[in-house]
Amino acid sequence: DALKLPPVSLIASLTNTDTHFTQLIDILAPQGKIGLIDDPVQ
């Protein structure tokens, strides 16, 4: 939020997705997309 950049509509989660997942959804703009490559433990 402090960066004041355009809405975060795309997220590439490359590591520790399970740790960050709820944060990422909070950051993601409506109708956005999350892409991941890792293997969530939880």
PDB file of all heavy atoms in Angstrom:
ATOM      1  N   ASP A   1       0.831  -1.210   0.000  1.00  0.00           N
ATOM      2  CA  ASP A   1       0.000   0.000   0.000  1.00  0.00           C
ATOM      3  C   ASP A   1       0.866   1.260   0.000  1.00  0.00           C
ATOM      4  O   ASP A   1       0.534   2.265  -0.652  1.00  0.00           O
ATOM      5  CB  ASP A   1      -0.937   0.010   1.204  1.00  0.00           C
ATOM      6  CG  ASP A   1      -2.027  -1.051   1.110  1.00  0.00           C
ATOM      7  OD1 ASP A   1      -2.232  -1.597   0.004  1.00  0.00           O
ATOM      8  OD2 ASP A   1      -2.649  -1.347   2.148  1.00  0.00           O
ATOM      9  N   ALA A   2       1.977   1.222   0.752  1.00  0.00           N
ATOM     10  CA  ALA A   2       2.834   2.405   0.870  1.00  0.00           C
ATOM     11  C   ALA A   2       3.503   2.774  -0.451  1.00  0.00           C
ATOM     12  O   ALA A   2       3.895   3.932  -0.648  1.00  0.00           O
ATOM     13  CB  ALA A   2       3.889   2.172   1.945  1.00  0.00           C
ATOM     14  N   LEU A   3       3.617   1.827  -1.364  1.00  0.00           N
ATOM     15  CA  LEU A   3       4.276   2.096  -2.647  1.00  0.00           C
ATOM     16  C   LEU A   3       3.399   2.901  -3.593  1.00  0.00           C
ATOM     17  O   LEU A   3       3.899   3.521  -4.537  1.00  0.00           O
ATOM     18  CB  LEU A   3       4.672   0.772  -3.312  1.00  0.00           C
ATOM     19  CG  LEU A   3       5.736  -0.053  -2.588  1.00  0.00           C
ATOM     20  CD1 LEU A   3       5.881  -1.430  -3.232  1.00  0.00           C
ATOM     21  CD2 LEU A   3       7.071   0.676  -2.594  1.00  0.00           C
ATOM     22  N   LYS A   4       2.068   2.847  -3.392  1.00  0.00           N
ATOM     23  CA  LYS A   4       1.114   3.597  -4.218  1.00  0.00           C
ATOM     24  C   LYS A   4       1.290   3.297  -5.719  1.00  0.00           C
ATOM     25  O   LYS A   4       1.249   4.183  -6.576  1.00  0.00           O
ATOM     26  CB  LYS A   4       1.221   5.098  -3.944  1.00  0.00           C
ATOM     27  CG  LYS A   4       0.952   5.455  -2.486  1.00  0.00           C
ATOM     28  CD  LYS A   4       0.833   6.936  -2.277  1.00  0.00           C
ATOM     29  CE  LYS A   4       0.625   7.269  -0.801  1.00  0.00           C
ATOM     30  NZ  LYS A   4      -0.524   6.579  -0.203  1.00  0.00           N
ATOM     31  N   LEU A   5       1.470   2.029  -6.022  1.00  0.00           N
ATOM     32  CA  LEU A   5       1.539   1.573  -7.405  1.00  0.00           C
ATOM     33  C   LEU A   5       0.154   1.139  -7.872  1.00  0.00           C
ATOM     34  O   LEU A   5      -0.779   1.065  -7.060  1.00  0.00           O
ATOM     35  CB  LEU A   5       2.528   0.409  -7.504  1.00  0.00           C
ATOM     36  CG  LEU A   5       4.006   0.771  -7.293  1.00  0.00           C
ATOM     37  CD1 LEU A   5       4.857  -0.487  -7.212  1.00  0.00           C
ATOM     38  CD2 LEU A   5       4.513   1.676  -8.408  1.00  0.00           C
ATOM     39  N   PRO A   6      -0.030   0.821  -9.155  1.00  0.00           N
ATOM     40  CA  PRO A   6      -1.328   0.327  -9.621  1.00  0.00           C
ATOM     41  C   PRO A   6      -1.750  -0.927  -8.869  1.00  0.00           C
ATOM     42  O   PRO A   6      -0.929  -1.589  -8.219  1.00  0.00           O
ATOM     43  CB  PRO A   6      -1.074   0.029 -11.100  1.00  0.00           C
ATOM     44  CG  PRO A   6       0.047   0.922 -11.488  1.00  0.00           C
ATOM     45  CD  PRO A   6       0.926   0.999 -10.269  1.00  0.00           C
ATOM     46  N   PRO A   7      -3.044  -1.294  -8.924  1.00  0.00           N
ATOM     47  CA  PRO A   7      -3.542  -2.450  -8.178  1.00  0.00           C
ATOM     48  C   PRO A   7      -2.757  -3.731  -8.506  1.00  0.00           C
ATOM     49  O   PRO A   7      -2.378  -3.966  -9.657  1.00  0.00           O
ATOM     50  CB  PRO A   7      -4.999  -2.574  -8.637  1.00  0.00           C
ATOM     51  CG  PRO A   7      -5.355  -1.226  -9.155  1.00  0.00           C
ATOM     52  CD  PRO A   7      -4.103  -0.645  -9.716  1.00  0.00           C
ATOM     53  N   VAL A   8      -2.531  -4.551  -7.471  1.00  0.00           N
ATOM     54  CA  VAL A   8      -1.851  -5.830  -7.663  1.00  0.00           C
ATOM     55  C   VAL A   8      -2.871  -6.827  -8.210  1.00  0.00           C
ATOM     56  O   VAL A   8      -3.608  -7.472  -7.465  1.00  0.00           O
ATOM     57  CB  VAL A   8      -1.225  -6.341  -6.349  1.00  0.00           C
ATOM     58  CG1 VAL A   8      -0.592  -7.716  -6.566  1.00  0.00           C
ATOM     59  CG2 VAL A   8      -0.183  -5.358  -5.840  1.00  0.00           C
ATOM     60  N   SER A   9      -2.915  -6.936  -9.523  1.00  0.00           N
ATOM     61  CA  SER A   9      -3.873  -7.823 -10.188  1.00  0.00           C
ATOM     62  C   SER A   9      -3.286  -9.178 -10.525  1.00  0.00           C
ATOM     63  O   SER A   9      -4.028 -10.109 -10.841  1.00  0.00           O
ATOM     64  CB  SER A   9      -4.387  -7.158 -11.468  1.00  0.00           C
ATOM     65  OG  SER A   9      -5.088  -5.973 -11.164  1.00  0.00           O
ATOM     66  N   LEU A  10      -1.952  -9.280 -10.494  1.00  0.00           N
ATOM     67  CA  LEU A  10      -1.264 -10.529 -10.798  1.00  0.00           C
ATOM     68  C   LEU A  10      -0.261 -10.827  -9.689  1.00  0.00           C
ATOM     69  O   LEU A  10       0.513  -9.944  -9.305  1.00  0.00           O
ATOM     70  CB  LEU A  10      -0.528 -10.436 -12.133  1.00  0.00           C
ATOM     71  CG  LEU A  10      -1.342 -10.017 -13.364  1.00  0.00           C
ATOM     72  CD1 LEU A  10      -0.433  -9.885 -14.570  1.00  0.00           C
ATOM     73  CD2 LEU A  10      -2.455 -11.005 -13.634  1.00  0.00           C
ATOM     74  N   ILE A  11      -0.293 -12.055  -9.192  1.00  0.00           N
ATOM     75  CA  ILE A  11       0.674 -12.478  -8.173  1.00  0.00           C
ATOM     76  C   ILE A  11       1.319 -13.777  -8.626  1.00  0.00           C
ATOM     77  O   ILE A  11       0.624 -14.732  -8.972  1.00  0.00           O
ATOM     78  CB  ILE A  11       0.014 -12.679  -6.797  1.00  0.00           C
ATOM     79  CG1 ILE A  11      -0.541 -11.341  -6.266  1.00  0.00           C
ATOM     80  CG2 ILE A  11       1.007 -13.265  -5.798  1.00  0.00           C
ATOM     81  CD1 ILE A  11      -1.272 -11.459  -4.937  1.00  0.00           C
ATOM     82  N   ALA A  12       2.651 -13.811  -8.620  1.00  0.00           N
ATOM     83  CA  ALA A  12       3.412 -15.032  -8.876  1.00  0.00           C
ATOM     84  C   ALA A  12       3.997 -15.487  -7.542  1.00  0.00           C
ATOM     85  O   ALA A  12       4.926 -14.860  -7.027  1.00  0.00           O
ATOM     86  CB  ALA A  12       4.517 -14.773  -9.897  1.00  0.00           C
ATOM     87  N   SER A  13       3.419 -16.533  -6.981  1.00  0.00           N
ATOM     88  CA  SER A  13       3.889 -17.050  -5.691  1.00  0.00           C
ATOM     89  C   SER A  13       4.835 -18.213  -5.961  1.00  0.00           C
ATOM     90  O   SER A  13       4.411 -19.292  -6.355  1.00  0.00           O
ATOM     91  CB  SER A  13       2.708 -17.499  -4.833  1.00  0.00           C
ATOM     92  OG  SER A  13       3.158 -17.934  -3.571  1.00  0.00           O
ATOM     93  N   LEU A  14       6.118 -17.981  -5.740  1.00  0.00           N
ATOM     94  CA  LEU A  14       7.149 -18.940  -6.141  1.00  0.00           C
ATOM     95  C   LEU A  14       7.666 -19.782  -4.987  1.00  0.00           C
ATOM     96  O   LEU A  14       8.353 -20.776  -5.212  1.00  0.00           O
ATOM     97  CB  LEU A  14       8.321 -18.193  -6.800  1.00  0.00           C
ATOM     98  CG  LEU A  14       7.938 -17.222  -7.928  1.00  0.00           C
ATOM     99  CD1 LEU A  14       9.172 -16.551  -8.491  1.00  0.00           C
ATOM    100  CD2 LEU A  14       7.148 -17.925  -9.022  1.00  0.00           C
ATOM    101  N   THR A  15       7.333 -19.400  -3.763  1.00  0.00           N
ATOM    102  CA  THR A  15       7.828 -20.128  -2.605  1.00  0.00           C
ATOM    103  C   THR A  15       6.944 -19.873  -1.393  1.00  0.00           C
ATOM    104  O   THR A  15       6.342 -18.796  -1.278  1.00  0.00           O
ATOM    105  CB  THR A  15       9.289 -19.716  -2.289  1.00  0.00           C
ATOM    106  OG1 THR A  15       9.787 -20.487  -1.211  1.00  0.00           O
ATOM    107  CG2 THR A  15       9.389 -18.245  -1.939  1.00  0.00           C
ATOM    108  N   ASN A  16       6.828 -20.870  -0.531  1.00  0.00           N
ATOM    109  CA  ASN A  16       6.075 -20.730   0.726  1.00  0.00           C
ATOM    110  C   ASN A  16       4.653 -20.197   0.522  1.00  0.00           C
ATOM    111  O   ASN A  16       4.167 -19.366   1.289  1.00  0.00           O
ATOM    112  CB  ASN A  16       6.831 -19.822   1.703  1.00  0.00           C
ATOM    113  CG  ASN A  16       8.161 -20.411   2.137  1.00  0.00           C
ATOM    114  OD1 ASN A  16       8.249 -21.604   2.448  1.00  0.00           O
ATOM    115  ND2 ASN A  16       9.197 -19.600   2.139  1.00  0.00           N
ATOM    116  N   THR A  17       3.988 -20.698  -0.519  1.00  0.00           N
ATOM    117  CA  THR A  17       2.629 -20.223  -0.807  1.00  0.00           C
ATOM    118  C   THR A  17       1.688 -20.445   0.363  1.00  0.00           C
ATOM    119  O   THR A  17       0.861 -19.582   0.669  1.00  0.00           O
ATOM    120  CB  THR A  17       2.084 -20.920  -2.065  1.00  0.00           C
ATOM    121  OG1 THR A  17       2.889 -20.551  -3.195  1.00  0.00           O
ATOM    122  CG2 THR A  17       0.643 -20.510  -2.335  1.00  0.00           C
ATOM    123  N   ASP A  18       1.800 -21.598   1.040  1.00  0.00           N
ATOM    124  CA  ASP A  18       0.887 -21.866   2.147  1.00  0.00           C
ATOM    125  C   ASP A  18       1.072 -20.861   3.285  1.00  0.00           C
ATOM    126  O   ASP A  18       0.114 -20.467   3.951  1.00  0.00           O
ATOM    127  CB  ASP A  18       1.037 -23.305   2.658  1.00  0.00           C
ATOM    128  CG  ASP A  18       2.476 -23.726   2.895  1.00  0.00           C
ATOM    129  OD1 ASP A  18       3.397 -22.916   2.635  1.00  0.00           O
ATOM    130  OD2 ASP A  18       2.694 -24.867   3.332  1.00  0.00           O
ATOM    131  N   THR A  19       2.308 -20.408   3.510  1.00  0.00           N
ATOM    132  CA  THR A  19       2.581 -19.425   4.560  1.00  0.00           C
ATOM    133  C   THR A  19       1.961 -18.073   4.222  1.00  0.00           C
ATOM    134  O   THR A  19       1.437 -17.384   5.106  1.00  0.00           O
ATOM    135  CB  THR A  19       4.102 -19.253   4.745  1.00  0.00           C
ATOM    136  OG1 THR A  19       4.672 -20.513   5.081  1.00  0.00           O
ATOM    137  CG2 THR A  19       4.418 -18.242   5.838  1.00  0.00           C
ATOM    138  N   HIS A  20       2.012 -17.692   2.956  1.00  0.00           N
ATOM    139  CA  HIS A  20       1.613 -16.339   2.555  1.00  0.00           C
ATOM    140  C   HIS A  20       0.204 -16.255   1.987  1.00  0.00           C
ATOM    141  O   HIS A  20      -0.264 -15.140   1.698  1.00  0.00           O
ATOM    142  CB  HIS A  20       2.589 -15.809   1.491  1.00  0.00           C
ATOM    143  CG  HIS A  20       4.025 -15.791   1.895  1.00  0.00           C
ATOM    144  ND1 HIS A  20       4.469 -15.145   3.029  1.00  0.00           N
ATOM    145  CD2 HIS A  20       5.129 -16.333   1.309  1.00  0.00           C
ATOM    146  CE1 HIS A  20       5.789 -15.282   3.123  1.00  0.00           C
ATOM    147  NE2 HIS A  20       6.204 -16.010   2.105  1.00  0.00           N
ATOM    148  N   PHE A  21      -0.506 -17.361   1.822  1.00  0.00           N
ATOM    149  CA  PHE A  21      -1.702 -17.388   0.983  1.00  0.00           C
ATOM    150  C   PHE A  21      -2.769 -16.374   1.421  1.00  0.00           C
ATOM    151  O   PHE A  21      -3.310 -15.637   0.593  1.00  0.00           O
ATOM    152  CB  PHE A  21      -2.298 -18.794   0.946  1.00  0.00           C
ATOM    153  CG  PHE A  21      -3.323 -18.988  -0.132  1.00  0.00           C
ATOM    154  CD1 PHE A  21      -3.003 -18.826  -1.459  1.00  0.00           C
ATOM    155  CD2 PHE A  21      -4.634 -19.345   0.192  1.00  0.00           C
ATOM    156  CE1 PHE A  21      -3.948 -19.004  -2.470  1.00  0.00           C
ATOM    157  CE2 PHE A  21      -5.586 -19.535  -0.803  1.00  0.00           C
ATOM    158  CZ  PHE A  21      -5.237 -19.360  -2.132  1.00  0.00           C
ATOM    159  N   THR A  22      -3.084 -16.313   2.705  1.00  0.00           N
ATOM    160  CA  THR A  22      -4.131 -15.375   3.140  1.00  0.00           C
ATOM    161  C   THR A  22      -3.687 -13.931   2.928  1.00  0.00           C
ATOM    162  O   THR A  22      -4.504 -13.070   2.570  1.00  0.00           O
ATOM    163  CB  THR A  22      -4.516 -15.607   4.608  1.00  0.00           C
ATOM    164  OG1 THR A  22      -3.345 -15.539   5.432  1.00  0.00           O
ATOM    165  CG2 THR A  22      -5.165 -16.971   4.788  1.00  0.00           C
ATOM    166  N   GLN A  23      -2.399 -13.643   3.126  1.00  0.00           N
ATOM    167  CA  GLN A  23      -1.893 -12.297   2.848  1.00  0.00           C
ATOM    168  C   GLN A  23      -2.033 -11.951   1.371  1.00  0.00           C
ATOM    169  O   GLN A  23      -2.381 -10.819   1.019  1.00  0.00           O
ATOM    170  CB  GLN A  23      -0.414 -12.197   3.220  1.00  0.00           C
ATOM    171  CG  GLN A  23      -0.091 -12.120   4.689  1.00  0.00           C
ATOM    172  CD  GLN A  23       1.345 -11.658   4.893  1.00  0.00           C
ATOM    173  OE1 GLN A  23       1.652 -10.480   4.730  1.00  0.00           O
ATOM    174  NE2 GLN A  23       2.222 -12.601   5.220  1.00  0.00           N
ATOM    175  N   LEU A  24      -1.736 -12.914   0.516  1.00  0.00           N
ATOM    176  CA  LEU A  24      -1.789 -12.659  -0.919  1.00  0.00           C
ATOM    177  C   LEU A  24      -3.213 -12.354  -1.378  1.00  0.00           C
ATOM    178  O   LEU A  24      -3.428 -11.479  -2.220  1.00  0.00           O
ATOM    179  CB  LEU A  24      -1.223 -13.858  -1.690  1.00  0.00           C
ATOM    180  CG  LEU A  24       0.241 -14.210  -1.400  1.00  0.00           C
ATOM    181  CD1 LEU A  24       0.695 -15.376  -2.273  1.00  0.00           C
ATOM    182  CD2 LEU A  24       1.148 -13.003  -1.601  1.00  0.00           C
ATOM    183  N   ILE A  25      -4.167 -13.069  -0.831  1.00  0.00           N
ATOM    184  CA  ILE A  25      -5.562 -12.803  -1.191  1.00  0.00           C
ATOM    185  C   ILE A  25      -5.972 -11.410  -0.729  1.00  0.00           C
ATOM    186  O   ILE A  25      -6.706 -10.694  -1.421  1.00  0.00           O
ATOM    187  CB  ILE A  25      -6.478 -13.889  -0.596  1.00  0.00           C
ATOM    188  CG1 ILE A  25      -6.201 -15.224  -1.301  1.00  0.00           C
ATOM    189  CG2 ILE A  25      -7.950 -13.514  -0.750  1.00  0.00           C
ATOM    190  CD1 ILE A  25      -6.891 -16.399  -0.685  1.00  0.00           C
ATOM    191  N   ASP A  26      -5.475 -10.994   0.426  1.00  0.00           N
ATOM    192  CA  ASP A  26      -5.777  -9.655   0.942  1.00  0.00           C
ATOM    193  C   ASP A  26      -5.185  -8.585   0.029  1.00  0.00           C
ATOM    194  O   ASP A  26      -5.799  -7.538  -0.205  1.00  0.00           O
ATOM    195  CB  ASP A  26      -5.206  -9.531   2.356  1.00  0.00           C
ATOM    196  CG  ASP A  26      -5.780  -8.361   3.125  1.00  0.00           C
ATOM    197  OD1 ASP A  26      -6.893  -7.901   2.768  1.00  0.00           O
ATOM    198  OD2 ASP A  26      -5.121  -7.899   4.078  1.00  0.00           O
ATOM    199  N   ILE A  27      -4.006  -8.843  -0.514  1.00  0.00           N
ATOM    200  CA  ILE A  27      -3.334  -7.892  -1.403  1.00  0.00           C
ATOM    201  C   ILE A  27      -3.959  -7.870  -2.791  1.00  0.00           C
ATOM    202  O   ILE A  27      -4.045  -6.822  -3.436  1.00  0.00           O
ATOM    203  CB  ILE A  27      -1.834  -8.255  -1.521  1.00  0.00           C
ATOM    204  CG1 ILE A  27      -1.120  -8.037  -0.189  1.00  0.00           C
ATOM    205  CG2 ILE A  27      -1.151  -7.478  -2.642  1.00  0.00           C
ATOM    206  CD1 ILE A  27       0.263  -8.664  -0.129  1.00  0.00           C
ATOM    207  N   LEU A  28      -4.426  -9.024  -3.265  1.00  0.00           N
ATOM    208  CA  LEU A  28      -4.891  -9.175  -4.647  1.00  0.00           C
ATOM    209  C   LEU A  28      -6.098  -8.293  -4.951  1.00  0.00           C
ATOM    210  O   LEU A  28      -7.053  -8.224  -4.185  1.00  0.00           O
ATOM    211  CB  LEU A  28      -5.249 -10.640  -4.906  1.00  0.00           C
ATOM    212  CG  LEU A  28      -5.588 -11.042  -6.347  1.00  0.00           C
ATOM    213  CD1 LEU A  28      -4.368 -10.913  -7.244  1.00  0.00           C
ATOM    214  CD2 LEU A  28      -6.136 -12.465  -6.379  1.00  0.00           C
ATOM    215  N   ALA A  29      -6.060  -7.639  -6.105  1.00  0.00           N
ATOM    216  CA  ALA A  29      -7.194  -6.824  -6.551  1.00  0.00           C
ATOM    217  C   ALA A  29      -8.350  -7.723  -6.982  1.00  0.00           C
ATOM    218  O   ALA A  29      -8.139  -8.873  -7.379  1.00  0.00           O
ATOM    219  CB  ALA A  29      -6.769  -5.945  -7.724  1.00  0.00           C
ATOM    220  N   PRO A  30      -9.591  -7.233  -6.905  1.00  0.00           N
ATOM    221  CA  PRO A  30     -10.731  -8.006  -7.403  1.00  0.00           C
ATOM    222  C   PRO A  30     -10.498  -8.439  -8.854  1.00  0.00           C
ATOM    223  O   PRO A  30      -9.933  -7.698  -9.656  1.00  0.00           O
ATOM    224  CB  PRO A  30     -11.893  -7.017  -7.298  1.00  0.00           C
ATOM    225  CG  PRO A  30     -11.491  -6.095  -6.194  1.00  0.00           C
ATOM    226  CD  PRO A  30     -10.005  -5.940  -6.329  1.00  0.00           C
ATOM    227  N   GLN A  31     -10.919  -9.676  -9.149  1.00  0.00           N
ATOM    228  CA  GLN A  31     -10.774 -10.292 -10.462  1.00  0.00           C
ATOM    229  C   GLN A  31      -9.304 -10.537 -10.844  1.00  0.00           C
ATOM    230  O   GLN A  31      -8.986 -10.709 -12.015  1.00  0.00           O
ATOM    231  CB  GLN A  31     -11.460  -9.459 -11.553  1.00  0.00           C
ATOM    232  CG  GLN A  31     -12.948  -9.225 -11.283  1.00  0.00           C
ATOM    233  CD  GLN A  31     -13.609  -8.438 -12.384  1.00  0.00           C
ATOM    234  OE1 GLN A  31     -13.979  -8.995 -13.425  1.00  0.00           O
ATOM    235  NE2 GLN A  31     -13.758  -7.141 -12.180  1.00  0.00           N
ATOM    236  N   GLY A  32      -8.454 -10.587  -9.827  1.00  0.00           N
ATOM    237  CA  GLY A  32      -7.041 -10.824 -10.075  1.00  0.00           C
ATOM    238  C   GLY A  32      -6.711 -12.302 -10.209  1.00  0.00           C
ATOM    239  O   GLY A  32      -7.580 -13.181 -10.109  1.00  0.00           O
ATOM    240  N   LYS A  33      -5.437 -12.597 -10.421  1.00  0.00           N
ATOM    241  CA  LYS A  33      -4.967 -13.970 -10.625  1.00  0.00           C
ATOM    242  C   LYS A  33      -3.740 -14.241  -9.757  1.00  0.00           C
ATOM    243  O   LYS A  33      -2.842 -13.393  -9.672  1.00  0.00           O
ATOM    244  CB  LYS A  33      -4.589 -14.204 -12.093  1.00  0.00           C
ATOM    245  CG  LYS A  33      -5.738 -14.010 -13.078  1.00  0.00           C
ATOM    246  CD  LYS A  33      -5.243 -14.231 -14.505  1.00  0.00           C
ATOM    247  CE  LYS A  33      -6.368 -14.047 -15.518  1.00  0.00           C
ATOM    248  NZ  LYS A  33      -5.906 -14.281 -16.904  1.00  0.00           N
ATOM    249  N   ILE A  34      -3.729 -15.419  -9.139  1.00  0.00           N
ATOM    250  CA  ILE A  34      -2.550 -15.900  -8.417  1.00  0.00           C
ATOM    251  C   ILE A  34      -2.020 -17.131  -9.141  1.00  0.00           C
ATOM    252  O   ILE A  34      -2.773 -18.069  -9.411  1.00  0.00           O
ATOM    253  CB  ILE A  34      -2.874 -16.262  -6.956  1.00  0.00           C
ATOM    254  CG1 ILE A  34      -3.372 -15.028  -6.186  1.00  0.00           C
ATOM    255  CG2 ILE A  34      -1.648 -16.858  -6.264  1.00  0.00           C
ATOM    256  CD1 ILE A  34      -3.767 -15.330  -4.749  1.00  0.00           C
ATOM    257  N   GLY A  35      -0.749 -17.125  -9.465  1.00  0.00           N
ATOM    258  CA  GLY A  35      -0.098 -18.283 -10.064  1.00  0.00           C
ATOM    259  C   GLY A  35       0.970 -18.805  -9.124  1.00  0.00           C
ATOM    260  O   GLY A  35       1.686 -18.020  -8.503  1.00  0.00           O
ATOM    261  N   LEU A  36       1.089 -20.131  -9.006  1.00  0.00           N
ATOM    262  CA  LEU A  36       2.092 -20.697  -8.115  1.00  0.00           C
ATOM    263  C   LEU A  36       2.804 -21.868  -8.766  1.00  0.00           C
ATOM    264  O   LEU A  36       2.286 -22.505  -9.678  1.00  0.00           O
ATOM    265  CB  LEU A  36       1.484 -21.111  -6.774  1.00  0.00           C
ATOM    266  CG  LEU A  36       0.402 -22.180  -6.760  1.00  0.00           C
ATOM    267  CD1 LEU A  36       0.421 -22.913  -5.423  1.00  0.00           C
ATOM    268  CD2 LEU A  36      -0.977 -21.548  -6.932  1.00  0.00           C
ATOM    269  N   ILE A  37       4.020 -22.115  -8.241  1.00  0.00           N
ATOM    270  CA  ILE A  37       4.837 -23.196  -8.793  1.00  0.00           C
ATOM    271  C   ILE A  37       5.309 -24.160  -7.711  1.00  0.00           C
ATOM    272  O   ILE A  37       5.861 -25.216  -8.034  1.00  0.00           O
ATOM    273  CB  ILE A  37       6.075 -22.651  -9.533  1.00  0.00           C
ATOM    274  CG1 ILE A  37       7.033 -21.955  -8.561  1.00  0.00           C
ATOM    275  CG2 ILE A  37       5.668 -21.721 -10.660  1.00  0.00           C
ATOM    276  CD1 ILE A  37       8.380 -21.612  -9.165  1.00  0.00           C
ATOM    277  N   ASP A  38       5.143 -23.805  -6.440  1.00  0.00           N
ATOM    278  CA  ASP A  38       5.724 -24.613  -5.373  1.00  0.00           C
ATOM    279  C   ASP A  38       4.745 -25.689  -4.912  1.00  0.00           C
ATOM    280  O   ASP A  38       3.658 -25.844  -5.476  1.00  0.00           O
ATOM    281  CB  ASP A  38       6.181 -23.732  -4.203  1.00  0.00           C
ATOM    282  CG  ASP A  38       5.038 -22.966  -3.560  1.00  0.00           C
ATOM    283  OD1 ASP A  38       4.036 -22.687  -4.244  1.00  0.00           O
ATOM    284  OD2 ASP A  38       5.143 -22.641  -2.361  1.00  0.00           O
ATOM    285  N   ASP A  39       5.132 -26.438  -3.899  1.00  0.00           N
ATOM    286  CA  ASP A  39       4.322 -27.535  -3.376  1.00  0.00           C
ATOM    287  C   ASP A  39       3.929 -27.206  -1.933  1.00  0.00           C
ATOM    288  O   ASP A  39       4.685 -27.527  -1.008  1.00  0.00           O
ATOM    289  CB  ASP A  39       5.110 -28.849  -3.408  1.00  0.00           C
ATOM    290  CG  ASP A  39       5.591 -29.200  -4.804  1.00  0.00           C
ATOM    291  OD1 ASP A  39       4.769 -29.084  -5.734  1.00  0.00           O
ATOM    292  OD2 ASP A  39       6.760 -29.570  -4.964  1.00  0.00           O
ATOM    293  N   PRO A  40       2.786 -26.557  -1.729  1.00  0.00           N
ATOM    294  CA  PRO A  40       2.404 -26.174  -0.369  1.00  0.00           C
ATOM    295  C   PRO A  40       2.380 -27.370   0.582  1.00  0.00           C
ATOM    296  O   PRO A  40       1.819 -28.418   0.259  1.00  0.00           O
ATOM    297  CB  PRO A  40       1.007 -25.585  -0.552  1.00  0.00           C
ATOM    298  CG  PRO A  40       0.983 -25.097  -1.971  1.00  0.00           C
ATOM    299  CD  PRO A  40       1.805 -26.088  -2.728  1.00  0.00           C
ATOM    300  N   VAL A  41       2.991 -27.193   1.740  1.00  0.00           N
ATOM    301  CA  VAL A  41       3.013 -28.253   2.750  1.00  0.00           C
ATOM    302  C   VAL A  41       1.656 -28.354   3.426  1.00  0.00           C
ATOM    303  O   VAL A  41       1.108 -29.438   3.624  1.00  0.00           O
ATOM    304  CB  VAL A  41       4.125 -27.987   3.786  1.00  0.00           C
ATOM    305  CG1 VAL A  41       4.093 -29.060   4.880  1.00  0.00           C
ATOM    306  CG2 VAL A  41       5.484 -27.953   3.103  1.00  0.00           C
ATOM    307  N   GLN A  42       1.106 -27.198   3.766  1.00  0.00           N
ATOM    308  CA  GLN A  42      -0.229 -27.141   4.363  1.00  0.00           C
ATOM    309  C   GLN A  42      -1.255 -26.844   3.273  1.00  0.00           C
ATOM    310  O   GLN A  42      -0.959 -26.140   2.305  1.00  0.00           O
ATOM    311  CB  GLN A  42      -0.288 -26.055   5.442  1.00  0.00           C
ATOM    312  CG  GLN A  42       0.681 -26.273   6.601  1.00  0.00           C
ATOM    313  CD  GLN A  42       0.401 -27.554   7.344  1.00  0.00           C
ATOM    314  OE1 GLN A  42      -0.752 -27.931   7.537  1.00  0.00           O
ATOM    315  NE2 GLN A  42       1.462 -28.241   7.767  1.00  0.00           N
TER     316      GLN A  42
END
